[in-house]
Amino acid sequence: MGFPLIFGALLTGAVTTVFYGIWAGLVMAGLTLLMGLISPVPKTNLKPASLSDFKFTQADEGQPIPLVYGIVKIPGNIIYYG
């Protein structure tokens, strides 16, 4: 349980107490602490993206061009530019 969670719970409880009373402030502070304790923790060991993670559009001679009927999501090819 870190400082931001405790500070957020106290701040939520204080603001709720000002507008709705002491019992509502205590309930909101408790619910905020409970939410912070049971929420999932995100992964922190993410690797940075490299060039192999991206797909670049290629236009090679002899590459097949798909014939599409209807609405389909296909990777694009640059046929002509200039």
Protein backbone atom coordinates (compact mmCIF):
# COMPACT_ATOMS: atom_id res chain seq x y z
CA MET A 1 0.00 0.00 0.00
CA GLY A 2 1.71 3.13 -1.22
CA PHE A 3 1.50 6.78 -0.39
CA PRO A 4 -0.63 7.75 -3.43
CA LEU A 5 -3.31 5.24 -2.45
CA ILE A 6 -3.48 6.43 1.15
CA PHE A 7 -3.40 10.10 0.13
CA GLY A 8 -6.15 9.52 -2.45
CA ALA A 9 -8.34 7.74 0.10
CA LEU A 10 -7.87 10.54 2.66
CA LEU A 11 -8.57 13.22 0.07
CA THR A 12 -11.70 11.42 -1.15
CA GLY A 13 -12.91 10.98 2.42
CA ALA A 14 -12.25 14.63 3.29
CA VAL A 15 -14.08 16.01 0.27
CA THR A 16 -17.01 13.65 0.82
CA THR A 17 -17.14 14.63 4.52
CA VAL A 18 -17.42 18.32 3.60
CA PHE A 19 -20.44 17.74 1.37
CA TYR A 20 -22.22 14.70 2.89
CA GLY A 21 -21.04 14.18 6.48
CA ILE A 22 -18.61 12.11 8.49
CA TRP A 23 -20.17 8.70 7.85
CA ALA A 24 -20.21 9.14 4.10
CA GLY A 25 -16.59 10.35 4.23
CA LEU A 26 -15.50 7.28 6.18
CA VAL A 27 -17.35 4.96 3.80
CA MET A 28 -15.80 6.63 0.74
CA ALA A 29 -12.29 6.51 2.23
CA GLY A 30 -12.74 2.83 3.06
CA LEU A 31 -14.09 1.99 -0.39
CA THR A 32 -11.21 3.86 -2.03
CA LEU A 33 -8.68 1.89 0.02
CA LEU A 34 -10.47 -1.38 -0.80
CA MET A 35 -10.49 -0.55 -4.51
CA GLY A 36 -6.77 0.20 -4.42
CA LEU A 37 -5.97 -3.05 -2.64
CA ILE A 38 -7.93 -5.37 -4.94
CA SER A 39 -7.13 -3.70 -8.26
CA PRO A 40 -4.72 -5.61 -10.54
CA VAL A 41 -1.11 -4.46 -10.82
CA PRO A 42 0.12 -3.84 -14.40
CA LYS A 43 3.21 -5.60 -15.74
CA THR A 44 6.34 -3.50 -15.55
CA ASN A 45 8.78 -5.63 -17.54
CA LEU A 46 7.77 -4.40 -20.99
CA LYS A 47 10.45 -4.34 -23.68
CA PRO A 48 10.76 -1.43 -26.09
CA ALA A 49 9.52 -1.93 -29.65
CA SER A 50 12.09 -2.85 -32.28
CA LEU A 51 11.94 -2.69 -36.07
CA SER A 52 11.03 -6.38 -36.27
CA ASP A 53 7.75 -5.63 -34.42
CA PHE A 54 6.43 -3.49 -37.29
CA LYS A 55 5.10 -4.53 -40.71
CA PHE A 56 6.15 -2.27 -43.55
CA THR A 57 4.33 -2.02 -46.87
CA GLN A 58 6.29 -3.64 -49.69
CA ALA A 59 5.83 -3.48 -53.44
CA ASP A 60 7.73 -6.27 -55.18
CA GLU A 61 7.44 -7.26 -58.79
CA GLY A 62 5.35 -10.40 -59.16
CA GLN A 63 3.66 -10.08 -55.79
CA PRO A 64 0.01 -11.20 -55.99
CA ILE A 65 -2.70 -8.54 -55.73
CA PRO A 66 -5.77 -9.80 -53.84
CA LEU A 67 -9.19 -9.59 -55.52
CA VAL A 68 -11.68 -8.50 -52.89
CA TYR A 69 -15.47 -8.79 -52.94
CA GLY A 70 -17.22 -6.84 -50.18
CA ILE A 71 -15.51 -5.21 -47.21
CA VAL A 72 -12.34 -6.97 -46.08
CA LYS A 73 -9.30 -5.75 -44.15
CA ILE A 74 -6.14 -6.71 -46.06
CA PRO A 75 -2.56 -5.44 -45.82
CA GLY A 76 -1.97 -2.78 -48.44
CA ASN A 77 0.60 -2.73 -51.21
CA ILE A 78 1.94 0.41 -52.83
CA ILE A 79 1.47 -0.28 -56.53
CA TYR A 80 2.40 3.13 -57.91
CA TYR A 81 3.81 6.26 -56.35
CA GLY A 82 4.98 9.31 -58.19
